N, C-alpha and C. Protein backbone atom coordinates (compact mmCIF):
# COMPACT_ATOMS: atom_id res chain seq x y z
N MET A 1 149.76 308.39 198.19
CA MET A 1 149.32 307.16 198.78
C MET A 1 149.89 307.07 200.18
N TYR A 2 149.14 306.60 201.20
CA TYR A 2 149.55 306.52 202.55
C TYR A 2 150.18 305.19 202.79
N ILE A 3 151.32 305.13 203.44
CA ILE A 3 152.07 303.97 203.73
C ILE A 3 151.66 303.56 205.19
N GLN A 4 151.03 302.35 205.26
CA GLN A 4 150.68 301.89 206.66
C GLN A 4 151.70 300.91 207.28
N ARG A 5 152.23 301.24 208.45
CA ARG A 5 153.11 300.41 209.19
C ARG A 5 152.50 300.08 210.51
N VAL A 6 152.34 298.77 210.88
CA VAL A 6 151.69 298.41 212.14
C VAL A 6 152.58 297.42 212.82
N SER A 7 152.78 297.76 214.18
CA SER A 7 153.42 296.87 215.09
C SER A 7 152.52 296.60 216.34
N MET A 8 152.16 295.28 216.48
CA MET A 8 151.41 295.04 217.65
C MET A 8 151.71 293.71 218.18
N GLU A 9 151.28 293.43 219.46
CA GLU A 9 151.44 292.19 220.06
C GLU A 9 150.12 291.49 220.12
N VAL A 10 150.11 290.29 219.51
CA VAL A 10 148.77 289.58 219.44
C VAL A 10 148.54 289.11 220.87
N GLY A 11 147.25 289.42 221.22
CA GLY A 11 146.75 289.05 222.63
C GLY A 11 147.25 290.03 223.70
N GLY A 12 147.86 291.05 223.28
CA GLY A 12 148.34 292.10 224.15
C GLY A 12 147.49 293.20 224.52
N GLY A 13 146.23 293.02 224.24
CA GLY A 13 145.27 294.07 224.67
C GLY A 13 145.05 295.09 223.47
N GLU A 14 144.61 296.29 223.84
CA GLU A 14 144.34 297.36 222.90
C GLU A 14 145.55 298.10 222.52
N HIS A 15 145.65 298.39 221.17
CA HIS A 15 146.84 299.08 220.63
C HIS A 15 146.20 300.24 219.85
N LEU A 16 147.08 301.22 219.48
CA LEU A 16 146.78 302.22 218.50
C LEU A 16 147.61 301.94 217.27
N MET A 17 146.99 302.03 216.06
CA MET A 17 147.62 301.81 214.89
C MET A 17 147.21 302.85 213.84
N ASP A 18 148.21 303.05 212.87
CA ASP A 18 147.77 303.88 211.75
C ASP A 18 146.77 303.15 210.87
N SER A 19 145.89 303.98 210.29
CA SER A 19 144.91 303.44 209.39
C SER A 19 145.34 303.89 207.96
N MET A 20 144.71 303.22 206.96
CA MET A 20 145.11 303.70 205.50
C MET A 20 144.53 305.06 205.28
N HIS A 21 143.72 305.58 206.15
CA HIS A 21 143.25 306.94 205.99
C HIS A 21 144.18 308.00 206.65
N GLY A 22 145.21 307.58 207.38
CA GLY A 22 146.09 308.46 207.81
C GLY A 22 145.88 308.80 209.30
N ASP A 23 144.84 308.24 209.98
CA ASP A 23 144.47 308.62 211.36
C ASP A 23 144.88 307.47 212.23
N LYS A 24 144.77 307.62 213.59
CA LYS A 24 145.05 306.60 214.54
C LYS A 24 143.76 305.96 214.91
N VAL A 25 143.74 304.58 214.93
CA VAL A 25 142.63 303.79 215.38
C VAL A 25 143.03 302.76 216.38
N LYS A 26 142.10 302.45 217.28
CA LYS A 26 142.27 301.46 218.16
C LYS A 26 142.08 300.08 217.71
N CYS A 27 142.80 299.04 218.08
CA CYS A 27 142.68 297.70 217.56
C CYS A 27 143.11 296.69 218.60
N THR A 28 142.60 295.52 218.43
CA THR A 28 143.04 294.34 219.24
C THR A 28 143.35 293.26 218.27
N ALA A 29 144.15 292.29 218.70
CA ALA A 29 144.52 291.18 217.70
C ALA A 29 144.56 289.90 218.47
N GLU A 30 144.08 288.82 217.69
CA GLU A 30 144.14 287.49 218.23
C GLU A 30 144.37 286.53 217.09
N TRP A 31 144.76 285.29 217.57
CA TRP A 31 144.88 284.21 216.62
C TRP A 31 143.61 283.44 216.47
N ALA A 32 143.19 283.12 215.27
CA ALA A 32 141.95 282.37 215.04
C ALA A 32 142.40 280.78 215.22
N GLN A 33 141.40 280.02 215.28
CA GLN A 33 141.63 278.61 215.55
C GLN A 33 142.38 278.01 214.31
N ASP A 34 142.17 278.52 213.18
CA ASP A 34 142.88 277.98 211.88
C ASP A 34 144.29 278.65 211.71
N GLY A 35 144.63 279.49 212.71
CA GLY A 35 146.02 280.13 212.61
C GLY A 35 145.94 281.52 211.96
N ALA A 36 144.82 281.93 211.44
CA ALA A 36 144.77 283.25 210.78
C ALA A 36 144.87 284.36 211.88
N LEU A 37 145.40 285.49 211.44
CA LEU A 37 145.49 286.61 212.33
C LEU A 37 144.26 287.52 212.19
N VAL A 38 143.60 287.77 213.31
CA VAL A 38 142.37 288.51 213.32
C VAL A 38 142.60 289.83 214.09
N ILE A 39 142.25 290.91 213.45
CA ILE A 39 142.31 292.23 213.99
C ILE A 39 141.06 292.91 214.07
N TYR A 40 140.65 293.36 215.17
CA TYR A 40 139.33 294.12 215.40
C TYR A 40 139.74 295.53 215.49
N THR A 41 139.16 296.39 214.59
CA THR A 41 139.55 297.82 214.48
C THR A 41 138.39 298.56 213.99
N GLU A 42 138.63 299.78 213.42
CA GLU A 42 137.58 300.55 212.91
C GLU A 42 138.08 301.43 211.69
N MET A 43 137.26 301.75 210.87
CA MET A 43 137.52 302.65 209.78
C MET A 43 136.44 303.73 209.60
N MET A 44 136.74 304.90 209.57
CA MET A 44 135.77 306.02 209.44
C MET A 44 134.62 305.87 210.50
N GLY A 45 134.97 305.43 211.69
CA GLY A 45 134.05 305.34 212.85
C GLY A 45 133.27 303.99 212.77
N ASN A 46 133.45 303.03 211.74
CA ASN A 46 132.68 301.89 211.55
C ASN A 46 133.53 300.72 212.07
N PRO A 47 133.02 299.74 212.82
CA PRO A 47 133.78 298.53 213.16
C PRO A 47 134.23 297.66 212.06
N VAL A 48 135.47 297.12 212.04
CA VAL A 48 135.98 296.45 210.92
C VAL A 48 136.70 295.20 211.54
N VAL A 49 136.57 294.06 210.87
CA VAL A 49 137.36 292.79 211.22
C VAL A 49 138.17 292.47 210.07
N MET A 50 139.56 292.40 210.38
CA MET A 50 140.55 291.96 209.28
C MET A 50 141.02 290.61 209.69
N ASN A 51 140.94 289.84 208.69
CA ASN A 51 141.46 288.37 208.77
C ASN A 51 142.68 288.17 207.75
N ARG A 52 143.79 287.98 208.32
CA ARG A 52 144.94 287.68 207.38
C ARG A 52 145.32 286.14 207.42
N ARG A 53 145.12 285.56 206.36
CA ARG A 53 145.19 284.08 206.23
C ARG A 53 146.13 283.65 205.13
N ARG A 54 147.00 282.75 205.40
CA ARG A 54 147.92 282.29 204.36
C ARG A 54 147.24 281.13 203.69
N ILE A 55 146.87 281.31 202.41
CA ILE A 55 146.26 280.29 201.73
C ILE A 55 147.04 279.22 201.28
N SER A 56 148.26 279.45 200.87
CA SER A 56 149.29 278.54 200.48
C SER A 56 150.61 279.14 200.68
N HIS A 57 151.76 278.37 200.42
CA HIS A 57 153.03 278.95 200.52
C HIS A 57 153.29 280.30 199.79
N GLU A 58 152.48 280.37 198.57
CA GLU A 58 152.67 281.44 197.70
C GLU A 58 151.69 282.58 197.91
N THR A 59 150.57 282.49 198.57
CA THR A 59 149.49 283.39 198.59
C THR A 59 148.97 283.68 199.95
N THR A 60 148.78 284.92 200.21
CA THR A 60 148.08 285.33 201.48
C THR A 60 146.81 286.15 201.03
N HIS A 61 145.75 285.92 201.84
CA HIS A 61 144.56 286.64 201.71
C HIS A 61 144.22 287.53 202.93
N VAL A 62 143.97 288.85 202.61
CA VAL A 62 143.57 289.67 203.74
C VAL A 62 142.05 290.07 203.49
N GLU A 63 141.23 289.52 204.32
CA GLU A 63 139.73 289.80 204.31
C GLU A 63 139.38 290.98 205.31
N MET A 64 138.71 291.97 204.73
CA MET A 64 138.22 293.13 205.57
C MET A 64 136.72 293.05 205.50
N VAL A 65 136.13 292.98 206.78
CA VAL A 65 134.73 292.76 206.88
C VAL A 65 134.12 294.00 207.68
N CYS A 66 133.11 294.60 207.03
CA CYS A 66 132.44 295.74 207.67
C CYS A 66 130.95 295.54 207.45
N GLY A 67 130.21 295.10 208.61
CA GLY A 67 128.88 294.69 208.49
C GLY A 67 128.72 293.44 207.67
N ASN A 68 127.95 293.45 206.59
CA ASN A 68 127.83 292.24 205.70
C ASN A 68 128.63 292.31 204.43
N VAL A 69 129.65 293.37 204.36
CA VAL A 69 130.44 293.56 203.15
C VAL A 69 131.78 293.04 203.47
N VAL A 70 132.22 292.19 202.58
CA VAL A 70 133.68 291.57 202.68
C VAL A 70 134.48 292.02 201.48
N ALA A 71 135.64 292.58 201.68
CA ALA A 71 136.66 292.81 200.65
C ALA A 71 137.92 291.95 200.84
N VAL A 72 138.34 291.38 199.81
CA VAL A 72 139.56 290.53 199.98
C VAL A 72 140.73 290.98 199.16
N ARG A 73 141.87 291.26 199.76
CA ARG A 73 143.13 291.50 198.98
C ARG A 73 144.01 290.32 198.90
N VAL A 74 144.48 290.05 197.67
CA VAL A 74 145.39 288.87 197.56
C VAL A 74 146.78 289.29 197.27
N HIS A 75 147.75 288.79 198.02
CA HIS A 75 149.13 289.10 197.85
C HIS A 75 149.89 287.79 197.51
N GLN A 76 150.62 287.64 196.53
CA GLN A 76 151.53 286.56 196.29
C GLN A 76 152.86 286.83 197.05
N ASP A 77 153.46 285.74 197.46
CA ASP A 77 154.72 285.84 198.22
C ASP A 77 155.84 285.43 197.31
N PHE A 78 156.84 286.27 197.08
CA PHE A 78 157.88 286.03 196.19
C PHE A 78 159.32 285.72 196.87
N SER A 79 159.10 285.67 198.21
CA SER A 79 160.38 285.42 199.04
C SER A 79 161.16 284.23 198.59
N GLY A 80 162.47 284.31 198.56
CA GLY A 80 163.33 283.18 198.19
C GLY A 80 164.35 283.55 197.26
N VAL A 81 165.28 282.55 196.75
CA VAL A 81 166.28 282.76 195.90
C VAL A 81 165.77 282.14 194.53
N TRP A 82 165.77 282.95 193.55
CA TRP A 82 165.32 282.58 192.21
C TRP A 82 166.39 282.76 191.19
N LYS A 83 166.57 281.73 190.29
CA LYS A 83 167.43 281.74 189.22
C LYS A 83 166.69 281.81 187.86
N CYS A 84 167.17 282.73 186.96
CA CYS A 84 166.53 282.97 185.62
C CYS A 84 166.93 281.66 184.83
N THR A 85 165.97 280.82 184.43
CA THR A 85 166.22 279.61 183.72
C THR A 85 165.77 279.61 182.26
N GLU A 86 164.95 280.70 181.96
CA GLU A 86 164.45 280.69 180.60
C GLU A 86 164.22 282.19 180.31
N LEU A 87 164.22 282.61 179.02
CA LEU A 87 163.97 283.89 178.52
C LEU A 87 163.34 283.90 177.22
N GLN A 88 162.36 284.64 177.06
CA GLN A 88 161.61 284.72 175.81
C GLN A 88 161.53 286.23 175.26
N ASN A 89 162.14 286.43 173.99
CA ASN A 89 161.76 287.71 173.36
C ASN A 89 162.52 288.95 173.85
N MET A 90 163.65 288.73 174.59
CA MET A 90 164.36 289.84 175.15
C MET A 90 165.07 290.74 174.08
N GLU A 91 165.63 290.16 173.08
CA GLU A 91 166.27 291.03 172.07
C GLU A 91 165.21 291.93 171.37
N ALA A 92 164.00 291.44 171.10
CA ALA A 92 163.07 292.23 170.51
C ALA A 92 162.61 293.36 171.30
N LEU A 93 162.53 293.15 172.63
CA LEU A 93 162.12 294.09 173.60
C LEU A 93 163.18 295.22 173.64
N LEU A 94 164.46 294.86 173.75
CA LEU A 94 165.51 295.83 173.81
C LEU A 94 165.58 296.70 172.51
N GLU A 95 165.25 296.04 171.39
CA GLU A 95 165.26 296.75 170.10
C GLU A 95 164.09 297.66 170.07
N ALA A 96 162.99 297.31 170.66
CA ALA A 96 161.81 298.18 170.76
C ALA A 96 162.07 299.31 171.64
N LEU A 97 162.98 299.16 172.65
CA LEU A 97 163.26 300.28 173.63
C LEU A 97 164.35 301.15 173.12
N ASP A 98 164.86 300.88 171.88
CA ASP A 98 165.99 301.58 171.24
C ASP A 98 167.26 301.49 172.07
N VAL A 99 167.47 300.35 172.66
CA VAL A 99 168.74 300.11 173.28
C VAL A 99 169.81 299.96 172.19
N PRO A 100 170.94 300.60 172.34
CA PRO A 100 171.95 300.49 171.27
C PRO A 100 172.43 299.10 170.96
N TRP A 101 172.89 298.97 169.70
CA TRP A 101 173.08 297.62 169.22
C TRP A 101 174.23 297.02 170.01
N ILE A 102 175.26 297.77 170.35
CA ILE A 102 176.41 297.17 171.04
C ILE A 102 175.95 296.64 172.36
N LYS A 103 174.98 297.31 173.20
CA LYS A 103 174.60 296.85 174.45
C LYS A 103 173.64 295.56 174.28
N ARG A 104 172.92 295.57 173.16
CA ARG A 104 172.07 294.30 172.94
C ARG A 104 172.98 293.10 172.69
N LYS A 105 174.03 293.44 171.92
CA LYS A 105 174.89 292.23 171.64
C LYS A 105 175.85 291.79 172.93
N LEU A 106 176.04 292.78 173.76
CA LEU A 106 176.76 292.43 175.05
C LEU A 106 175.78 291.48 175.85
N GLY A 107 174.55 291.96 175.94
CA GLY A 107 173.62 291.11 176.79
C GLY A 107 173.47 289.80 176.02
N ALA A 108 173.35 289.66 174.72
CA ALA A 108 173.10 288.39 174.05
C ALA A 108 174.32 287.46 174.24
N ALA A 109 175.43 288.07 174.36
CA ALA A 109 176.69 287.24 174.58
C ALA A 109 176.67 286.35 175.85
N ILE A 110 175.92 286.92 176.85
CA ILE A 110 175.88 286.11 178.08
C ILE A 110 174.39 285.64 178.34
N GLY A 111 173.69 285.50 177.08
CA GLY A 111 172.40 284.90 177.20
C GLY A 111 171.31 285.70 177.91
N PHE A 112 171.61 286.96 178.09
CA PHE A 112 170.77 287.92 178.80
C PHE A 112 170.48 287.45 180.26
N GLY A 113 171.48 286.66 180.73
CA GLY A 113 171.32 286.28 182.23
C GLY A 113 170.75 284.94 182.42
N VAL A 114 170.39 284.13 181.41
CA VAL A 114 169.81 282.92 181.63
C VAL A 114 170.86 281.95 182.21
N ASN A 115 170.39 281.32 183.36
CA ASN A 115 171.27 280.41 184.09
C ASN A 115 172.38 281.21 184.77
N ARG A 116 172.36 282.50 184.79
CA ARG A 116 173.31 283.36 185.49
C ARG A 116 172.64 284.26 186.46
N LEU A 117 171.58 284.89 186.06
CA LEU A 117 170.94 285.94 186.91
C LEU A 117 170.20 285.22 188.05
N VAL A 118 170.55 285.63 189.26
CA VAL A 118 169.94 285.20 190.50
C VAL A 118 169.26 286.34 191.28
N GLN A 119 167.97 286.21 191.54
CA GLN A 119 167.37 287.21 192.32
C GLN A 119 167.01 286.70 193.71
N THR A 120 167.46 287.40 194.74
CA THR A 120 167.17 287.08 196.12
C THR A 120 166.17 288.03 196.62
N ILE A 121 164.99 287.59 196.91
CA ILE A 121 163.82 288.46 197.31
C ILE A 121 163.48 288.20 198.77
N LYS A 122 163.36 289.44 199.43
CA LYS A 122 162.81 289.41 200.81
C LYS A 122 161.56 290.24 200.71
N GLN A 123 160.42 289.70 201.29
CA GLN A 123 159.14 290.30 201.21
C GLN A 123 158.56 290.35 202.63
N ASP A 124 158.14 291.53 203.04
CA ASP A 124 157.41 291.78 204.34
C ASP A 124 156.28 292.59 204.04
N GLY A 125 155.17 291.96 203.95
CA GLY A 125 153.88 292.75 203.55
C GLY A 125 153.99 293.40 202.18
N ASN A 126 153.92 294.73 202.19
CA ASN A 126 154.10 295.53 200.93
C ASN A 126 155.54 295.87 200.71
N LYS A 127 156.45 295.60 201.53
CA LYS A 127 157.87 295.92 201.28
C LYS A 127 158.53 294.72 200.66
N ILE A 128 159.15 295.05 199.44
CA ILE A 128 159.88 293.97 198.84
C ILE A 128 161.24 294.44 198.38
N ILE A 129 162.28 293.59 198.72
CA ILE A 129 163.61 293.91 198.46
C ILE A 129 164.06 292.89 197.43
N VAL A 130 164.64 293.23 196.33
CA VAL A 130 165.08 292.36 195.26
C VAL A 130 166.54 292.61 195.08
N GLU A 131 167.37 291.56 195.23
CA GLU A 131 168.75 291.65 194.96
C GLU A 131 169.14 290.95 193.69
N ASN A 132 169.77 291.60 192.65
CA ASN A 132 170.09 290.99 191.38
C ASN A 132 171.52 290.85 191.25
N LYS A 133 171.91 289.54 191.09
CA LYS A 133 173.28 289.14 190.91
C LYS A 133 173.47 288.23 189.72
N GLY A 134 174.70 288.36 189.09
CA GLY A 134 175.01 287.47 187.93
C GLY A 134 174.62 287.94 186.60
N GLY A 135 173.86 289.07 186.41
CA GLY A 135 173.42 289.51 185.15
C GLY A 135 174.41 290.51 184.57
N VAL A 136 173.97 291.33 183.53
CA VAL A 136 174.73 292.30 182.93
C VAL A 136 175.19 293.32 184.08
N LYS A 137 174.28 293.61 185.01
CA LYS A 137 174.60 294.60 186.08
C LYS A 137 174.00 294.14 187.48
N GLU A 138 174.69 294.23 188.55
CA GLU A 138 174.26 293.85 189.85
C GLU A 138 173.74 295.03 190.52
N PHE A 139 172.49 294.94 191.10
CA PHE A 139 171.90 296.03 191.75
C PHE A 139 170.84 295.41 192.74
N THR A 140 170.47 296.18 193.73
CA THR A 140 169.37 295.93 194.70
C THR A 140 168.35 297.03 194.69
N ASN A 141 167.05 296.66 194.69
CA ASN A 141 165.98 297.61 194.85
C ASN A 141 165.12 297.22 195.99
N GLU A 142 164.62 298.27 196.60
CA GLU A 142 163.55 298.15 197.72
C GLU A 142 162.39 298.91 197.17
N ILE A 143 161.22 298.18 197.12
CA ILE A 143 160.01 298.87 196.64
C ILE A 143 158.86 298.59 197.65
N VAL A 144 157.99 299.60 197.83
CA VAL A 144 156.91 299.55 198.85
C VAL A 144 155.70 299.56 197.92
N VAL A 145 154.88 298.55 197.81
CA VAL A 145 153.68 298.49 197.02
C VAL A 145 152.65 299.49 197.60
N GLY A 146 152.16 300.34 196.69
CA GLY A 146 151.13 301.32 197.10
C GLY A 146 151.69 302.61 197.68
N ALA A 147 152.99 302.83 197.60
CA ALA A 147 153.53 303.95 198.16
C ALA A 147 153.94 305.07 197.21
N GLY A 148 153.25 305.04 195.99
CA GLY A 148 153.42 306.11 195.09
C GLY A 148 154.80 306.02 194.34
N THR A 149 155.16 307.13 193.69
CA THR A 149 156.34 307.09 192.79
C THR A 149 157.64 306.86 193.63
N GLN A 150 158.49 305.93 193.31
CA GLN A 150 159.71 305.67 193.94
C GLN A 150 160.82 305.57 192.89
N VAL A 151 162.08 305.60 193.29
CA VAL A 151 163.27 305.56 192.38
C VAL A 151 163.83 304.12 192.53
N ALA A 152 164.05 303.44 191.37
CA ALA A 152 164.62 302.18 191.37
C ALA A 152 165.74 302.09 190.24
N ASP A 153 166.61 301.16 190.54
CA ASP A 153 167.72 300.92 189.54
C ASP A 153 167.11 299.87 188.57
N SER A 154 167.77 299.78 187.36
CA SER A 154 167.45 298.73 186.38
C SER A 154 168.63 298.37 185.67
N MET A 155 168.56 297.33 184.77
CA MET A 155 169.71 296.94 184.07
C MET A 155 170.21 297.95 183.08
N LEU A 156 169.51 299.03 182.85
CA LEU A 156 169.96 300.05 181.96
C LEU A 156 170.30 301.36 182.74
N ASP A 157 169.43 301.84 183.56
CA ASP A 157 169.57 303.11 184.25
C ASP A 157 168.61 303.25 185.39
N GLU A 158 168.78 304.34 186.19
CA GLU A 158 167.97 304.59 187.27
C GLU A 158 166.59 305.12 186.72
N VAL A 159 165.53 304.63 187.31
CA VAL A 159 164.13 304.95 186.79
C VAL A 159 163.16 305.24 187.91
N GLN A 160 162.09 305.87 187.69
CA GLN A 160 160.93 305.99 188.51
C GLN A 160 160.04 304.94 188.32
N CYS A 161 159.30 304.57 189.40
CA CYS A 161 158.41 303.47 189.26
C CYS A 161 157.28 303.55 190.35
N THR A 162 156.19 302.90 190.04
CA THR A 162 155.10 302.79 191.05
C THR A 162 154.64 301.34 191.09
N ALA A 163 154.21 300.80 192.15
CA ALA A 163 153.98 299.33 192.30
C ALA A 163 152.54 299.12 192.87
N GLU A 164 151.86 298.11 192.45
CA GLU A 164 150.50 297.84 192.92
C GLU A 164 150.28 296.33 192.86
N TRP A 165 149.33 295.85 193.65
CA TRP A 165 149.01 294.43 193.59
C TRP A 165 147.83 294.28 192.46
N ALA A 166 147.90 293.37 191.66
CA ALA A 166 146.76 293.04 190.75
C ALA A 166 145.75 292.26 191.45
N GLU A 167 144.65 292.05 190.87
CA GLU A 167 143.52 291.32 191.53
C GLU A 167 143.84 289.86 191.75
N ASP A 168 144.74 289.28 190.92
CA ASP A 168 145.20 287.87 191.13
C ASP A 168 146.34 287.79 192.05
N GLY A 169 146.73 288.83 192.65
CA GLY A 169 147.89 288.88 193.67
C GLY A 169 149.20 289.05 193.05
N SER A 170 149.28 289.15 191.70
CA SER A 170 150.66 289.42 191.10
C SER A 170 151.05 290.85 191.43
N LEU A 171 152.33 291.12 191.20
CA LEU A 171 152.83 292.37 191.48
C LEU A 171 153.05 293.16 190.12
N ILE A 172 152.54 294.30 190.08
CA ILE A 172 152.56 295.08 188.95
C ILE A 172 153.46 296.27 189.11
N VAL A 173 154.51 296.57 188.28
CA VAL A 173 155.34 297.78 188.48
C VAL A 173 155.25 298.51 187.14
N HIS A 174 154.81 299.85 187.29
CA HIS A 174 154.87 300.75 186.11
C HIS A 174 156.20 301.54 186.18
N THR A 175 156.96 301.45 185.12
CA THR A 175 158.21 302.13 185.15
C THR A 175 158.55 302.57 183.62
N GLU A 176 159.75 302.78 183.47
CA GLU A 176 160.32 303.11 182.15
C GLU A 176 161.68 302.65 181.91
N MET A 177 161.94 302.48 180.56
CA MET A 177 163.35 302.13 180.16
C MET A 177 163.66 302.95 178.98
N MET A 178 164.79 303.61 178.95
CA MET A 178 165.19 304.42 177.80
C MET A 178 164.18 305.42 177.48
N GLY A 179 163.49 305.99 178.44
CA GLY A 179 162.39 307.02 178.38
C GLY A 179 161.12 306.51 177.85
N LYS A 180 160.91 305.26 177.71
CA LYS A 180 159.67 304.71 177.24
C LYS A 180 159.00 303.97 178.44
N PRO A 181 157.66 304.10 178.39
CA PRO A 181 156.83 303.42 179.47
C PRO A 181 157.00 301.83 179.39
N VAL A 182 157.16 301.23 180.51
CA VAL A 182 157.34 299.79 180.58
C VAL A 182 156.44 299.26 181.67
N LEU A 183 155.83 298.20 181.49
CA LEU A 183 155.05 297.53 182.57
C LEU A 183 155.68 296.19 182.82
N MET A 184 155.84 295.93 184.14
CA MET A 184 156.45 294.65 184.64
C MET A 184 155.35 293.86 185.50
N LYS A 185 155.15 292.68 185.18
CA LYS A 185 154.18 291.91 186.05
C LYS A 185 155.00 290.69 186.48
N ARG A 186 155.05 290.50 187.77
CA ARG A 186 155.72 289.40 188.43
C ARG A 186 154.68 288.40 188.98
N ARG A 187 154.50 287.26 188.52
CA ARG A 187 153.43 286.37 188.74
C ARG A 187 154.04 284.97 189.16
N ARG A 188 153.60 284.51 190.26
CA ARG A 188 154.05 283.13 190.77
C ARG A 188 153.14 282.15 190.13
N ILE A 189 153.65 281.30 189.24
CA ILE A 189 152.95 280.27 188.57
C ILE A 189 152.53 279.14 189.40
N ASN A 190 153.58 278.68 190.22
CA ASN A 190 153.41 277.58 191.15
C ASN A 190 154.48 277.80 192.19
N HIS A 191 154.71 276.82 193.02
CA HIS A 191 155.72 276.93 194.11
C HIS A 191 157.06 277.22 193.65
N ASP A 192 157.43 276.51 192.52
CA ASP A 192 158.80 276.57 192.13
C ASP A 192 158.99 277.55 190.96
N THR A 193 158.04 278.18 190.32
CA THR A 193 158.19 279.04 189.22
C THR A 193 157.50 280.36 189.22
N THR A 194 158.26 281.35 188.92
CA THR A 194 157.78 282.70 188.74
C THR A 194 157.98 283.36 187.41
N HIS A 195 157.08 283.94 186.81
CA HIS A 195 157.22 284.59 185.49
C HIS A 195 157.33 286.11 185.74
N VAL A 196 158.17 286.70 185.06
CA VAL A 196 158.28 288.19 185.05
C VAL A 196 158.02 288.68 183.62
N GLU A 197 156.91 289.25 183.32
CA GLU A 197 156.51 289.74 182.05
C GLU A 197 156.96 291.23 181.89
N ILE A 198 157.65 291.64 180.93
CA ILE A 198 158.08 292.97 180.67
C ILE A 198 157.41 293.42 179.35
N THR A 199 156.56 294.43 179.42
CA THR A 199 155.90 294.85 178.16
C THR A 199 156.17 296.33 177.87
N SER A 200 156.45 296.59 176.63
CA SER A 200 156.70 297.99 176.11
C SER A 200 155.99 297.96 174.75
N GLY A 201 154.88 298.83 174.76
CA GLY A 201 154.07 298.80 173.49
C GLY A 201 153.43 297.48 173.23
N ASP A 202 153.57 296.85 172.13
CA ASP A 202 153.08 295.62 171.87
C ASP A 202 154.03 294.41 171.93
N VAL A 203 155.22 294.69 172.43
CA VAL A 203 156.33 293.73 172.59
C VAL A 203 156.34 293.21 174.14
N VAL A 204 156.35 292.02 174.30
CA VAL A 204 156.37 291.28 175.53
C VAL A 204 157.57 290.36 175.64
N SER A 205 158.27 290.51 176.71
CA SER A 205 159.38 289.56 177.04
C SER A 205 159.10 288.92 178.31
N VAL A 206 159.44 287.64 178.41
CA VAL A 206 159.14 287.01 179.74
C VAL A 206 160.44 286.22 180.22
N ARG A 207 160.72 286.61 181.45
CA ARG A 207 161.78 285.84 182.22
C ARG A 207 161.14 284.80 183.14
N VAL A 208 161.62 283.57 182.97
CA VAL A 208 161.18 282.49 183.82
C VAL A 208 162.16 282.22 184.95
N PHE A 209 161.76 282.34 186.21
CA PHE A 209 162.58 282.15 187.36
C PHE A 209 162.27 280.78 188.13
N THR A 210 163.21 280.09 188.44
CA THR A 210 162.99 278.83 189.23
C THR A 210 163.56 278.91 190.68
N LEU A 211 162.76 278.59 191.59
CA LEU A 211 163.13 278.63 192.98
C LEU A 211 164.31 277.68 193.29
N GLN A 212 165.27 278.18 193.99
CA GLN A 212 166.43 277.47 194.27
C GLN A 212 166.30 276.88 195.73
N PRO A 213 166.94 275.63 195.94
CA PRO A 213 166.77 275.00 197.28
C PRO A 213 167.64 275.83 198.27
């Protein structure tokens, strides 16, 4: 998977940028009347217009127009400081993952991080940095969505993962715990609430995070 990094000055004339196909393309950028960022470029020799528009505090749409065809990518924004305020079914998930009894009881003794675990998230496009503090283990991960297999830390051990955006803009991370495949879905429910669903087999655990002032 190709990682695209773009640096440009809006209104600064013609630039060269990397495309998702790995080649260099010319582009110009301007601000639309509604504040959206408009980029005029090309893909495979065809003219393309890209409109990046923030729909709400939580969601950004990137519209790509080629002729009369429009594709829209939706990204949720998880930036902020989030405290885990509720947890569902974690002990069952850890048991399904064959986590040793003593580790499960250690986690249960501190409520698996409820009202303790705080995640500080910094998001810049597809680059997401998550700092975890107050839980069983403190660690920081940096993930680039769409960049293929990466190495990340977890509350149990170091794991490999891949990340992608779902159609609804939520963040999907495919990883593993204790050698078993795990799917994590981070979804912003509203301005103040994010759910992180962790699925292994038919067992689902949900962490509820509340945005801190």
